[in-house]
C-alpha cells in the first residue's frame, strides 16, 4: 500500500525538463516571427517593447515552473522518508512485542526451572527497555520539531553521564561493555541539562555501535577547550558518504547505502541529537573519510551557554 502511495521523484524532473525546452522554443519562435514580420506589423519600437515583455513573461513562467518542480521533488522526498519512518516504527514496535508475548507464553509452562525463568524475565526487561528508549526518541523528536522542549540546567559530571549511557547501549545491543572506550577525565563538569546530555550521548553511542561490524570499537573523548566542552564519539563502522554528512541530521533521513538500510533504524536519532545540542547552545558535526572508514561525531557545548549551529565536515 505504501509502495502505491510513493510516486517517482523523476516525474516532476522529467516534466520540468520537457517544459523548459518547449517554452524556450516557443519564445524563440515567437521572436523570430515578430522580427521577420516587422514591416507588416507595427513600428520597430512597439515590436521591441513587445519582445521585452515576452522575455520577462517567459522568465516569470520559467521561475514558477522550476520552483514548483523543486518544491514538488522535496515534498515527494519528505513523504518517502515519512513512509520509511512508519515502516521502521512498525518493525521497532512489533519485534519486542512479539518477543514479550513469546516470553510470557513460555513463562506459563509449569516445568520451567528457576534459572530459565530468570533468563526470560531478563529478556522481557531488555525488550521493555528497548521499547521505552524508542518511544522516548520519538517523543523527543516530536517535541523538538514543535519547539516544546524545556531545559533544566544543573552541574553535571560528564564522565558519569558517559559511563551510564555506555552501560545502557552495551546492554541494549548485547555487546561487551569493554568495546566502548571512555577517555573522559573525572574532573570534567558542565552546567547543562543532564537528561538532554544523556540523550545526546546515548543516541551517538547507539549509532556508533549499531553501524559497526565486529569487533566493535567505539571511543568517547571529552575535555575542556577554552569556554567549551569538546565531546567526540569515534567508531570504526561503515562510515558516511561525504555528500550526506550534513543530511544525517535531518528528520527521517537515513544514509542511502545498503549497509545502513539493512540495519534497523528510524532516521530520528541524529535529528534528536542535533536539535538537543542546539537547545543546549552548542554545535554538532559529522566527519567521515568515507564509506567503510568509520565516523566521528563532534559535539561542542558551552560551559555556561553559547550560540548554536549544526555543521558537517
C-alpha atoms as a PDB file:
ATOM      1  CA  UNK A   1       0.000   0.000   0.000  1.00  0.00           C
ATOM      2  CA  UNK A   2       2.861   2.325   0.873  1.00  0.00           C
ATOM      3  CA  UNK A   3       4.503   1.425  -2.419  1.00  0.00           C
ATOM      4  CA  UNK A   4       1.415   2.532  -4.318  1.00  0.00           C
ATOM      5  CA  UNK A   5       1.466   5.861  -2.500  1.00  0.00           C
ATOM      6  CA  UNK A   6       5.058   6.524  -3.455  1.00  0.00           C
ATOM      7  CA  UNK A   7       5.456   8.494  -6.624  1.00  0.00           C
ATOM      8  CA  UNK A   8       8.673   8.543  -8.568  1.00  0.00           C
ATOM      9  CA  UNK A   9      10.725  11.626  -7.877  1.00  0.00           C
ATOM     10  CA  UNK A  10      11.833  11.582 -11.503  1.00  0.00           C
ATOM     11  CA  UNK A  11       8.341  12.547 -12.717  1.00  0.00           C
ATOM     12  CA  UNK A  12       8.472  16.274 -11.830  1.00  0.00           C
ATOM     13  CA  UNK A  13      12.060  16.434 -13.059  1.00  0.00           C
ATOM     14  CA  UNK A  14      11.095  14.933 -16.428  1.00  0.00           C
ATOM     15  CA  UNK A  15       8.129  17.300 -16.725  1.00  0.00           C
ATOM     16  CA  UNK A  16      10.379  20.265 -15.983  1.00  0.00           C
ATOM     17  CA  UNK A  17      12.992  19.020 -18.459  1.00  0.00           C
ATOM     18  CA  UNK A  18      10.329  18.802 -21.176  1.00  0.00           C
ATOM     19  CA  UNK A  19       8.570  22.067 -20.323  1.00  0.00           C
ATOM     20  CA  UNK A  20      11.692  24.226 -20.229  1.00  0.00           C
ATOM     21  CA  UNK A  21      12.944  23.486 -23.781  1.00  0.00           C
ATOM     22  CA  UNK A  22       9.386  23.712 -25.135  1.00  0.00           C
ATOM     23  CA  UNK A  23       8.976  27.142 -23.560  1.00  0.00           C
ATOM     24  CA  UNK A  24      12.343  28.249 -24.929  1.00  0.00           C
ATOM     25  CA  UNK A  25      11.383  27.017 -28.393  1.00  0.00           C
ATOM     26  CA  UNK A  26       8.074  28.887 -28.154  1.00  0.00           C
ATOM     27  CA  UNK A  27       9.808  32.115 -27.141  1.00  0.00           C
ATOM     28  CA  UNK A  28      12.449  31.844 -29.868  1.00  0.00           C
ATOM     29  CA  UNK A  29       9.805  31.029 -32.464  1.00  0.00           C
ATOM     30  CA  UNK A  30       7.644  33.955 -31.427  1.00  0.00           C
ATOM     31  CA  UNK A  31      10.563  36.399 -31.537  1.00  0.00           C
ATOM     32  CA  UNK A  32      11.583  35.088 -34.970  1.00  0.00           C
ATOM     33  CA  UNK A  33       8.048  35.622 -36.291  1.00  0.00           C
ATOM     34  CA  UNK A  34       7.981  39.166 -34.916  1.00  0.00           C
ATOM     35  CA  UNK A  35      11.381  40.042 -36.396  1.00  0.00           C
ATOM     36  CA  UNK A  36      10.528  38.526 -39.778  1.00  0.00           C
ATOM     37  CA  UNK A  37       7.306  40.498 -39.974  1.00  0.00           C
ATOM     38  CA  UNK A  38       8.360  43.900 -38.649  1.00  0.00           C
ATOM     39  CA  UNK A  39       7.382  45.630 -41.860  1.00  0.00           C
ATOM     40  CA  UNK A  40       3.955  44.035 -41.827  1.00  0.00           C
ATOM     41  CA  UNK A  41       3.059  44.798 -38.250  1.00  0.00           C
ATOM     42  CA  UNK A  42       3.642  47.821 -36.056  1.00  0.00           C
ATOM     43  CA  UNK A  43       6.601  50.132 -35.701  1.00  0.00           C
ATOM     44  CA  UNK A  44      10.004  48.866 -34.624  1.00  0.00           C
ATOM     45  CA  UNK A  45       9.834  50.410 -31.128  1.00  0.00           C
ATOM     46  CA  UNK A  46       6.495  48.791 -30.449  1.00  0.00           C
ATOM     47  CA  UNK A  47       7.809  45.368 -31.530  1.00  0.00           C
ATOM     48  CA  UNK A  48      10.914  45.786 -29.380  1.00  0.00           C
ATOM     49  CA  UNK A  49       8.751  46.530 -26.354  1.00  0.00           C
ATOM     50  CA  UNK A  50       6.624  43.504 -27.156  1.00  0.00           C
ATOM     51  CA  UNK A  51       9.677  41.252 -27.303  1.00  0.00           C
ATOM     52  CA  UNK A  52      10.977  42.595 -23.982  1.00  0.00           C
ATOM     53  CA  UNK A  53       7.624  41.946 -22.335  1.00  0.00           C
ATOM     54  CA  UNK A  54       7.550  38.455 -23.861  1.00  0.00           C
ATOM     55  CA  UNK A  55      11.000  37.790 -22.435  1.00  0.00           C
ATOM     56  CA  UNK A  56      10.003  38.945 -18.956  1.00  0.00           C
ATOM     57  CA  UNK A  57       6.842  36.878 -19.101  1.00  0.00           C
ATOM     58  CA  UNK A  58       8.899  33.858 -20.133  1.00  0.00           C
ATOM     59  CA  UNK A  59      11.326  34.340 -17.222  1.00  0.00           C
ATOM     60  CA  UNK A  60       8.414  34.506 -14.781  1.00  0.00           C
ATOM     61  CA  UNK A  61       6.885  31.319 -16.199  1.00  0.00           C
ATOM     62  CA  UNK A  62      10.231  29.508 -16.014  1.00  0.00           C
ATOM     63  CA  UNK A  63      10.783  30.673 -12.458  1.00  0.00           C
ATOM     64  CA  UNK A  64       7.374  29.430 -11.365  1.00  0.00           C
ATOM     65  CA  UNK A  65       7.822  26.125 -13.191  1.00  0.00           C
ATOM     66  CA  UNK A  66      11.273  25.433 -11.766  1.00  0.00           C
ATOM     67  CA  UNK A  67      10.236  26.479  -8.254  1.00  0.00           C
ATOM     68  CA  UNK A  68       7.208  24.220  -8.422  1.00  0.00           C
ATOM     69  CA  UNK A  69       9.300  21.295  -9.668  1.00  0.00           C
ATOM     70  CA  UNK A  70      11.880  21.712  -6.898  1.00  0.00           C
ATOM     71  CA  UNK A  71       9.167  22.068  -4.259  1.00  0.00           C
ATOM     72  CA  UNK A  72       7.326  19.006  -5.541  1.00  0.00           C
ATOM     73  CA  UNK A  73      10.512  16.942  -5.601  1.00  0.00           C
ATOM     74  CA  UNK A  74      11.279  17.901  -1.999  1.00  0.00           C
ATOM     75  CA  UNK A  75       7.755  17.097  -0.890  1.00  0.00           C
ATOM     76  CA  UNK A  76       7.968  13.670  -2.522  1.00  0.00           C
ATOM     77  CA  UNK A  77      11.281  13.030  -0.763  1.00  0.00           C
ATOM     78  CA  UNK A  78       9.727  14.014   2.570  1.00  0.00           C
ATOM     79  CA  UNK A  79       6.755  11.709   2.011  1.00  0.00           C
ATOM     80  CA  UNK A  80       9.081   8.839   1.138  1.00  0.00           C
ATOM     81  CA  UNK A  81      11.143   9.464   4.281  1.00  0.00           C
ATOM     82  CA  UNK A  82       7.983   9.512   6.389  1.00  0.00           C
ATOM     83  CA  UNK A  83       6.757   6.271   4.816  1.00  0.00           C
ATOM     84  CA  UNK A  84      10.135   4.705   5.551  1.00  0.00           C
ATOM     85  CA  UNK A  85       9.891   6.001   9.118  1.00  0.00           C
ATOM     86  CA  UNK A  86       6.435   4.449   9.567  1.00  0.00           C
ATOM     87  CA  UNK A  87       7.729   1.109   8.278  1.00  0.00           C
ATOM     88  CA  UNK A  88      10.672   1.311  10.681  1.00  0.00           C
ATOM     89  CA  UNK A  89       8.427   2.256  13.604  1.00  0.00           C
ATOM     90  CA  UNK A  90       6.188  -0.718  12.864  1.00  0.00           C
ATOM     91  CA  UNK A  91       9.190  -3.035  12.907  1.00  0.00           C
ATOM     92  CA  UNK A  92      10.684  -1.448  16.035  1.00  0.00           C
ATOM     93  CA  UNK A  93       7.395  -1.951  17.875  1.00  0.00           C
ATOM     94  CA  UNK A  94       6.473  -5.407  16.604  1.00  0.00           C
ATOM     95  CA  UNK A  95       9.831  -7.084  17.285  1.00  0.00           C
ATOM     96  CA  UNK A  96       9.989  -6.505  21.066  1.00  0.00           C
ATOM     97  CA  UNK A  97       6.233  -7.026  21.416  1.00  0.00           C
ATOM     98  CA  UNK A  98       6.497 -10.402  19.694  1.00  0.00           C
ATOM     99  CA  UNK A  99       9.420 -11.288  21.950  1.00  0.00           C
ATOM    100  CA  UNK A 100       7.469 -10.238  25.054  1.00  0.00           C
ATOM    101  CA  UNK A 101       4.493 -12.324  24.006  1.00  0.00           C
ATOM    102  CA  UNK A 102       6.686 -15.374  23.440  1.00  0.00           C
ATOM    103  CA  UNK A 103       8.355 -14.922  26.824  1.00  0.00           C
ATOM    104  CA  UNK A 104       5.001 -14.610  28.585  1.00  0.00           C
ATOM    105  CA  UNK A 105       3.709 -17.746  26.881  1.00  0.00           C
ATOM    106  CA  UNK A 106       6.862 -19.611  27.869  1.00  0.00           C
ATOM    107  CA  UNK A 107       6.645 -18.411  31.479  1.00  0.00           C
ATOM    108  CA  UNK A 108       3.240 -20.064  31.692  1.00  0.00           C
ATOM    109  CA  UNK A 109       4.825 -23.502  31.480  1.00  0.00           C
ATOM    110  CA  UNK A 110       4.982 -25.224  34.838  1.00  0.00           C
ATOM    111  CA  UNK A 111       8.094 -27.282  34.029  1.00  0.00           C
ATOM    112  CA  UNK A 112      10.404 -24.257  33.717  1.00  0.00           C
ATOM    113  CA  UNK A 113      13.365 -24.114  36.081  1.00  0.00           C
ATOM    114  CA  UNK A 114      14.144 -21.046  38.184  1.00  0.00           C
ATOM    115  CA  UNK A 115      17.199 -20.190  36.071  1.00  0.00           C
ATOM    116  CA  UNK A 116      15.154 -20.316  32.863  1.00  0.00           C
ATOM    117  CA  UNK A 117      12.505 -18.080  34.393  1.00  0.00           C
ATOM    118  CA  UNK A 118      15.145 -15.534  35.364  1.00  0.00           C
ATOM    119  CA  UNK A 119      16.571 -15.577  31.830  1.00  0.00           C
ATOM    120  CA  UNK A 120      13.112 -14.973  30.391  1.00  0.00           C
ATOM    121  CA  UNK A 121      12.494 -12.121  32.832  1.00  0.00           C
ATOM    122  CA  UNK A 122      15.792 -10.538  31.770  1.00  0.00           C
ATOM    123  CA  UNK A 123      14.819 -10.861  28.114  1.00  0.00           C
ATOM    124  CA  UNK A 124      11.487  -9.212  28.870  1.00  0.00           C
ATOM    125  CA  UNK A 125      13.232  -6.435  30.769  1.00  0.00           C
ATOM    126  CA  UNK A 126      15.566  -5.833  27.802  1.00  0.00           C
ATOM    127  CA  UNK A 127      12.594  -5.653  25.426  1.00  0.00           C
ATOM    128  CA  UNK A 128      10.796  -3.185  27.686  1.00  0.00           C
ATOM    129  CA  UNK A 129      13.944  -1.048  27.885  1.00  0.00           C
ATOM    130  CA  UNK A 130      14.243  -1.110  24.107  1.00  0.00           C
ATOM    131  CA  UNK A 131      10.616  -0.042  23.703  1.00  0.00           C
ATOM    132  CA  UNK A 132      10.974   2.663  26.333  1.00  0.00           C
ATOM    133  CA  UNK A 133      14.089   4.092  24.693  1.00  0.00           C
ATOM    134  CA  UNK A 134      12.470   4.034  21.260  1.00  0.00           C
ATOM    135  CA  UNK A 135       9.316   5.780  22.486  1.00  0.00           C
ATOM    136  CA  UNK A 136      11.450   8.390  24.264  1.00  0.00           C
ATOM    137  CA  UNK A 137      13.270   9.138  20.997  1.00  0.00           C
ATOM    138  CA  UNK A 138      10.001   9.514  19.094  1.00  0.00           C
ATOM    139  CA  UNK A 139       8.576  11.821  21.768  1.00  0.00           C
ATOM    140  CA  UNK A 140      11.774  13.871  21.838  1.00  0.00           C
ATOM    141  CA  UNK A 141      11.660  14.226  18.051  1.00  0.00           C
ATOM    142  CA  UNK A 142       8.025  15.334  18.167  1.00  0.00           C
ATOM    143  CA  UNK A 143       8.618  17.892  20.911  1.00  0.00           C
ATOM    144  CA  UNK A 144      11.782  19.219  19.315  1.00  0.00           C
ATOM    145  CA  UNK A 145      10.036  19.645  15.965  1.00  0.00           C
ATOM    146  CA  UNK A 146       7.373  21.696  17.747  1.00  0.00           C
ATOM    147  CA  UNK A 147       9.940  23.595  19.881  1.00  0.00           C
ATOM    148  CA  UNK A 148       8.276  22.418  23.080  1.00  0.00           C
ATOM    149  CA  UNK A 149      11.363  21.182  24.948  1.00  0.00           C
ATOM    150  CA  UNK A 150      12.377  22.973  28.132  1.00  0.00           C
ATOM    151  CA  UNK A 151      15.824  22.745  29.717  1.00  0.00           C
ATOM    152  CA  UNK A 152      16.719  22.334  33.390  1.00  0.00           C
ATOM    153  CA  UNK A 153      20.358  23.321  33.958  1.00  0.00           C
ATOM    154  CA  UNK A 154      22.431  21.709  36.704  1.00  0.00           C
ATOM    155  CA  UNK A 155      26.077  20.911  37.434  1.00  0.00           C
ATOM    156  CA  UNK A 156      26.808  17.660  35.573  1.00  0.00           C
ATOM    157  CA  UNK A 157      29.711  15.220  35.858  1.00  0.00           C
ATOM    158  CA  UNK A 158      30.275  14.383  32.187  1.00  0.00           C
ATOM    159  CA  UNK A 159      32.119  11.105  32.789  1.00  0.00           C
ATOM    160  CA  UNK A 160      29.271   9.729  34.895  1.00  0.00           C
ATOM    161  CA  UNK A 161      26.760  10.523  32.137  1.00  0.00           C
ATOM    162  CA  UNK A 162      29.003   8.921  29.501  1.00  0.00           C
ATOM    163  CA  UNK A 163      29.510   5.764  31.582  1.00  0.00           C
ATOM    164  CA  UNK A 164      25.785   5.386  32.282  1.00  0.00           C
ATOM    165  CA  UNK A 165      24.999   5.870  28.589  1.00  0.00           C
ATOM    166  CA  UNK A 166      27.666   3.345  27.584  1.00  0.00           C
ATOM    167  CA  UNK A 167      26.234   0.779  30.021  1.00  0.00           C
ATOM    168  CA  UNK A 168      22.741   1.265  28.578  1.00  0.00           C
ATOM    169  CA  UNK A 169      23.846   0.993  24.942  1.00  0.00           C
ATOM    170  CA  UNK A 170      26.067  -2.042  25.558  1.00  0.00           C
ATOM    171  CA  UNK A 171      23.204  -3.853  27.295  1.00  0.00           C
ATOM    172  CA  UNK A 172      20.721  -2.896  24.588  1.00  0.00           C
ATOM    173  CA  UNK A 173      22.892  -4.245  21.774  1.00  0.00           C
ATOM    174  CA  UNK A 174      24.230  -7.197  23.810  1.00  0.00           C
ATOM    175  CA  UNK A 175      27.855  -6.217  23.256  1.00  0.00           C
ATOM    176  CA  UNK A 176      30.787  -6.342  25.632  1.00  0.00           C
ATOM    177  CA  UNK A 177      30.943  -3.142  27.669  1.00  0.00           C
ATOM    178  CA  UNK A 178      34.715  -3.047  27.096  1.00  0.00           C
ATOM    179  CA  UNK A 179      34.081  -2.381  23.380  1.00  0.00           C
ATOM    180  CA  UNK A 180      33.138   1.189  24.337  1.00  0.00           C
ATOM    181  CA  UNK A 181      36.270   3.025  25.464  1.00  0.00           C
ATOM    182  CA  UNK A 182      35.819   6.123  27.608  1.00  0.00           C
ATOM    183  CA  UNK A 183      38.510   8.792  27.655  1.00  0.00           C
ATOM    184  CA  UNK A 184      36.842  11.437  29.800  1.00  0.00           C
ATOM    185  CA  UNK A 185      38.600  12.900  32.865  1.00  0.00           C
ATOM    186  CA  UNK A 186      36.721  12.667  36.161  1.00  0.00           C
ATOM    187  CA  UNK A 187      37.083  16.415  36.703  1.00  0.00           C
ATOM    188  CA  UNK A 188      35.174  17.452  33.566  1.00  0.00           C
ATOM    189  CA  UNK A 189      31.931  19.111  34.604  1.00  0.00           C
ATOM    190  CA  UNK A 190      29.328  21.033  32.652  1.00  0.00           C
ATOM    191  CA  UNK A 191      26.435  23.328  33.537  1.00  0.00           C
ATOM    192  CA  UNK A 192      23.718  21.857  31.328  1.00  0.00           C
ATOM    193  CA  UNK A 193      20.543  19.787  31.209  1.00  0.00           C
ATOM    194  CA  UNK A 194      21.667  16.323  32.337  1.00  0.00           C
ATOM    195  CA  UNK A 195      18.761  14.478  30.714  1.00  0.00           C
ATOM    196  CA  UNK A 196      19.318  16.167  27.349  1.00  0.00           C
ATOM    197  CA  UNK A 197      23.068  15.483  27.504  1.00  0.00           C
ATOM    198  CA  UNK A 198      22.393  11.821  28.302  1.00  0.00           C
ATOM    199  CA  UNK A 199      20.029  11.502  25.327  1.00  0.00           C
ATOM    200  CA  UNK A 200      22.648  13.068  23.028  1.00  0.00           C
ATOM    201  CA  UNK A 201      25.435  10.745  24.176  1.00  0.00           C
ATOM    202  CA  UNK A 202      23.205   7.673  24.207  1.00  0.00           C
ATOM    203  CA  UNK A 203      21.996   8.263  20.649  1.00  0.00           C
ATOM    204  CA  UNK A 204      25.531   8.873  19.377  1.00  0.00           C
ATOM    205  CA  UNK A 205      26.760   5.680  21.036  1.00  0.00           C
ATOM    206  CA  UNK A 206      23.724   3.781  19.797  1.00  0.00           C
ATOM    207  CA  UNK A 207      24.512   4.749  16.194  1.00  0.00           C
ATOM    208  CA  UNK A 208      28.214   4.019  16.619  1.00  0.00           C
ATOM    209  CA  UNK A 209      27.546   0.501  17.918  1.00  0.00           C
ATOM    210  CA  UNK A 210      24.658  -0.266  15.572  1.00  0.00           C
ATOM    211  CA  UNK A 211      26.594   0.604  12.417  1.00  0.00           C
ATOM    212  CA  UNK A 212      29.891  -1.037  13.395  1.00  0.00           C
ATOM    213  CA  UNK A 213      30.906  -4.553  12.307  1.00  0.00           C
ATOM    214  CA  UNK A 214      32.527  -6.991  14.720  1.00  0.00           C
ATOM    215  CA  UNK A 215      34.799  -6.458  16.559  1.00  0.00           C
ATOM    216  CA  UNK A 216      33.128  -3.261  17.750  1.00  0.00           C
ATOM    217  CA  UNK A 217      35.453  -0.479  18.870  1.00  0.00           C
ATOM    218  CA  UNK A 218      33.913   2.839  19.908  1.00  0.00           C
ATOM    219  CA  UNK A 219      35.743   5.634  21.701  1.00  0.00           C
ATOM    220  CA  UNK A 220      34.261   8.567  23.609  1.00  0.00           C
ATOM    221  CA  UNK A 221      36.554  11.502  24.312  1.00  0.00           C
ATOM    222  CA  UNK A 222      35.760  14.717  26.149  1.00  0.00           C
ATOM    223  CA  UNK A 223      37.681  17.662  27.501  1.00  0.00           C
ATOM    224  CA  UNK A 224      37.513  21.383  28.122  1.00  0.00           C
ATOM    225  CA  UNK A 225      38.684  23.694  25.341  1.00  0.00           C
ATOM    226  CA  UNK A 226      38.559  27.306  26.472  1.00  0.00           C
ATOM    227  CA  UNK A 227      34.984  28.046  27.498  1.00  0.00           C
ATOM    228  CA  UNK A 228      33.552  24.947  25.790  1.00  0.00           C
ATOM    229  CA  UNK A 229      33.313  21.202  26.236  1.00  0.00           C
ATOM    230  CA  UNK A 230      34.552  19.131  23.292  1.00  0.00           C
ATOM    231  CA  UNK A 231      32.963  15.680  23.123  1.00  0.00           C
ATOM    232  CA  UNK A 232      33.754  13.218  20.335  1.00  0.00           C
ATOM    233  CA  UNK A 233      32.348   9.764  19.599  1.00  0.00           C
ATOM    234  CA  UNK A 234      34.521   7.797  17.162  1.00  0.00           C
ATOM    235  CA  UNK A 235      33.743   4.405  15.634  1.00  0.00           C
ATOM    236  CA  UNK A 236      35.263   2.064  13.069  1.00  0.00           C
ATOM    237  CA  UNK A 237      31.959   1.406  11.380  1.00  0.00           C
ATOM    238  CA  UNK A 238      30.536   1.645   7.893  1.00  0.00           C
ATOM    239  CA  UNK A 239      31.057   5.402   7.590  1.00  0.00           C
ATOM    240  CA  UNK A 240      29.032   8.085   5.807  1.00  0.00           C
ATOM    241  CA  UNK A 241      29.387   9.307   2.194  1.00  0.00           C
ATOM    242  CA  UNK A 242      30.782  12.853   2.066  1.00  0.00           C
ATOM    243  CA  UNK A 243      27.744  14.247   0.245  1.00  0.00           C
ATOM    244  CA  UNK A 244      25.411  13.012   3.008  1.00  0.00           C
ATOM    245  CA  UNK A 245      27.316  14.192   6.088  1.00  0.00           C
ATOM    246  CA  UNK A 246      25.137  17.233   6.694  1.00  0.00           C
ATOM    247  CA  UNK A 247      21.890  15.491   5.783  1.00  0.00           C
ATOM    248  CA  UNK A 248      22.222  12.854   8.510  1.00  0.00           C
ATOM    249  CA  UNK A 249      20.880  15.433  10.981  1.00  0.00           C
ATOM    250  CA  UNK A 250      17.603  15.813   9.074  1.00  0.00           C
ATOM    251  CA  UNK A 251      14.476  14.197  10.467  1.00  0.00           C
ATOM    252  CA  UNK A 252      13.691  10.752   8.955  1.00  0.00           C
ATOM    253  CA  UNK A 253      16.884  10.803   6.847  1.00  0.00           C
ATOM    254  CA  UNK A 254      18.894   7.603   6.537  1.00  0.00           C
ATOM    255  CA  UNK A 255      22.101   7.123   4.551  1.00  0.00           C
ATOM    256  CA  UNK A 256      21.359   5.537   1.188  1.00  0.00           C
ATOM    257  CA  UNK A 257      23.954   2.730   1.384  1.00  0.00           C
ATOM    258  CA  UNK A 258      22.792  -0.873   1.625  1.00  0.00           C
ATOM    259  CA  UNK A 259      24.828  -1.385   4.814  1.00  0.00           C
ATOM    260  CA  UNK A 260      22.657   1.206   6.552  1.00  0.00           C
ATOM    261  CA  UNK A 261      19.346   0.084   5.047  1.00  0.00           C
ATOM    262  CA  UNK A 262      19.979  -3.484   6.167  1.00  0.00           C
ATOM    263  CA  UNK A 263      20.030  -2.353   9.808  1.00  0.00           C
ATOM    264  CA  UNK A 264      17.011  -1.307  11.839  1.00  0.00           C
ATOM    265  CA  UNK A 265      16.545   2.423  12.274  1.00  0.00           C
ATOM    266  CA  UNK A 266      14.042   5.270  12.043  1.00  0.00           C
ATOM    267  CA  UNK A 267      16.141   8.244  10.970  1.00  0.00           C
ATOM    268  CA  UNK A 268      15.300  10.329  14.048  1.00  0.00           C
ATOM    269  CA  UNK A 269      18.257   9.599  16.351  1.00  0.00           C
ATOM    270  CA  UNK A 270      20.666  12.165  14.909  1.00  0.00           C
ATOM    271  CA  UNK A 271      17.820  14.634  14.366  1.00  0.00           C
ATOM    272  CA  UNK A 272      17.177  14.458  18.119  1.00  0.00           C
ATOM    273  CA  UNK A 273      20.911  14.862  18.787  1.00  0.00           C
ATOM    274  CA  UNK A 274      21.203  17.948  16.584  1.00  0.00           C
ATOM    275  CA  UNK A 275      18.074  19.598  17.981  1.00  0.00           C
ATOM    276  CA  UNK A 276      19.039  18.961  21.611  1.00  0.00           C
ATOM    277  CA  UNK A 277      22.577  20.229  21.032  1.00  0.00           C
ATOM    278  CA  UNK A 278      21.137  23.401  19.501  1.00  0.00           C
ATOM    279  CA  UNK A 279      18.874  23.831  22.519  1.00  0.00           C
ATOM    280  CA  UNK A 280      21.887  23.390  24.782  1.00  0.00           C
ATOM    281  CA  UNK A 281      23.627  26.184  22.872  1.00  0.00           C
ATOM    282  CA  UNK A 282      26.171  24.005  21.097  1.00  0.00           C
ATOM    283  CA  UNK A 283      27.231  22.641  17.735  1.00  0.00           C
ATOM    284  CA  UNK A 284      27.425  19.133  16.308  1.00  0.00           C
ATOM    285  CA  UNK A 285      29.141  17.988  13.151  1.00  0.00           C
ATOM    286  CA  UNK A 286      29.720  14.658  11.446  1.00  0.00           C
ATOM    287  CA  UNK A 287      33.072  13.667   9.987  1.00  0.00           C
ATOM    288  CA  UNK A 288      33.869  10.564   7.948  1.00  0.00           C
ATOM    289  CA  UNK A 289      36.636   9.706   5.465  1.00  0.00           C
ATOM    290  CA  UNK A 290      34.020   7.750   3.501  1.00  0.00           C
ATOM    291  CA  UNK A 291      32.061   4.517   3.440  1.00  0.00           C
ATOM    292  CA  UNK A 292      33.691   1.714   5.390  1.00  0.00           C
ATOM    293  CA  UNK A 293      36.126   4.068   7.122  1.00  0.00           C
ATOM    294  CA  UNK A 294      34.287   4.934  10.310  1.00  0.00           C
ATOM    295  CA  UNK A 295      32.633   8.084  11.607  1.00  0.00           C
ATOM    296  CA  UNK A 296      33.439  10.751  14.174  1.00  0.00           C
ATOM    297  CA  UNK A 297      30.686  12.844  15.746  1.00  0.00           C
ATOM    298  CA  UNK A 298      31.955  16.089  17.268  1.00  0.00           C
ATOM    299  CA  UNK A 299      29.825  17.903  19.842  1.00  0.00           C
ATOM    300  CA  UNK A 300      30.865  21.275  21.215  1.00  0.00           C
ATOM    301  CA  UNK A 301      28.898  22.602  24.178  1.00  0.00           C
ATOM    302  CA  UNK A 302      29.428  25.871  26.044  1.00  0.00           C
ATOM    303  CA  UNK A 303      30.317  25.501  29.706  1.00  0.00           C
ATOM    304  CA  UNK A 304      27.744  28.189  30.505  1.00  0.00           C
ATOM    305  CA  UNK A 305      25.650  28.579  27.330  1.00  0.00           C
ATOM    306  CA  UNK A 306      26.608  29.880  23.891  1.00  0.00           C
ATOM    307  CA  UNK A 307      25.464  30.135  20.272  1.00  0.00           C
ATOM    308  CA  UNK A 308      24.363  27.153  18.241  1.00  0.00           C
ATOM    309  CA  UNK A 309      24.523  25.546  14.821  1.00  0.00           C
ATOM    310  CA  UNK A 310      24.760  22.218  13.002  1.00  0.00           C
ATOM    311  CA  UNK A 311      27.703  21.660  10.684  1.00  0.00           C
ATOM    312  CA  UNK A 312      29.269  18.949   8.568  1.00  0.00           C
ATOM    313  CA  UNK A 313      32.941  18.476   7.778  1.00  0.00           C
END
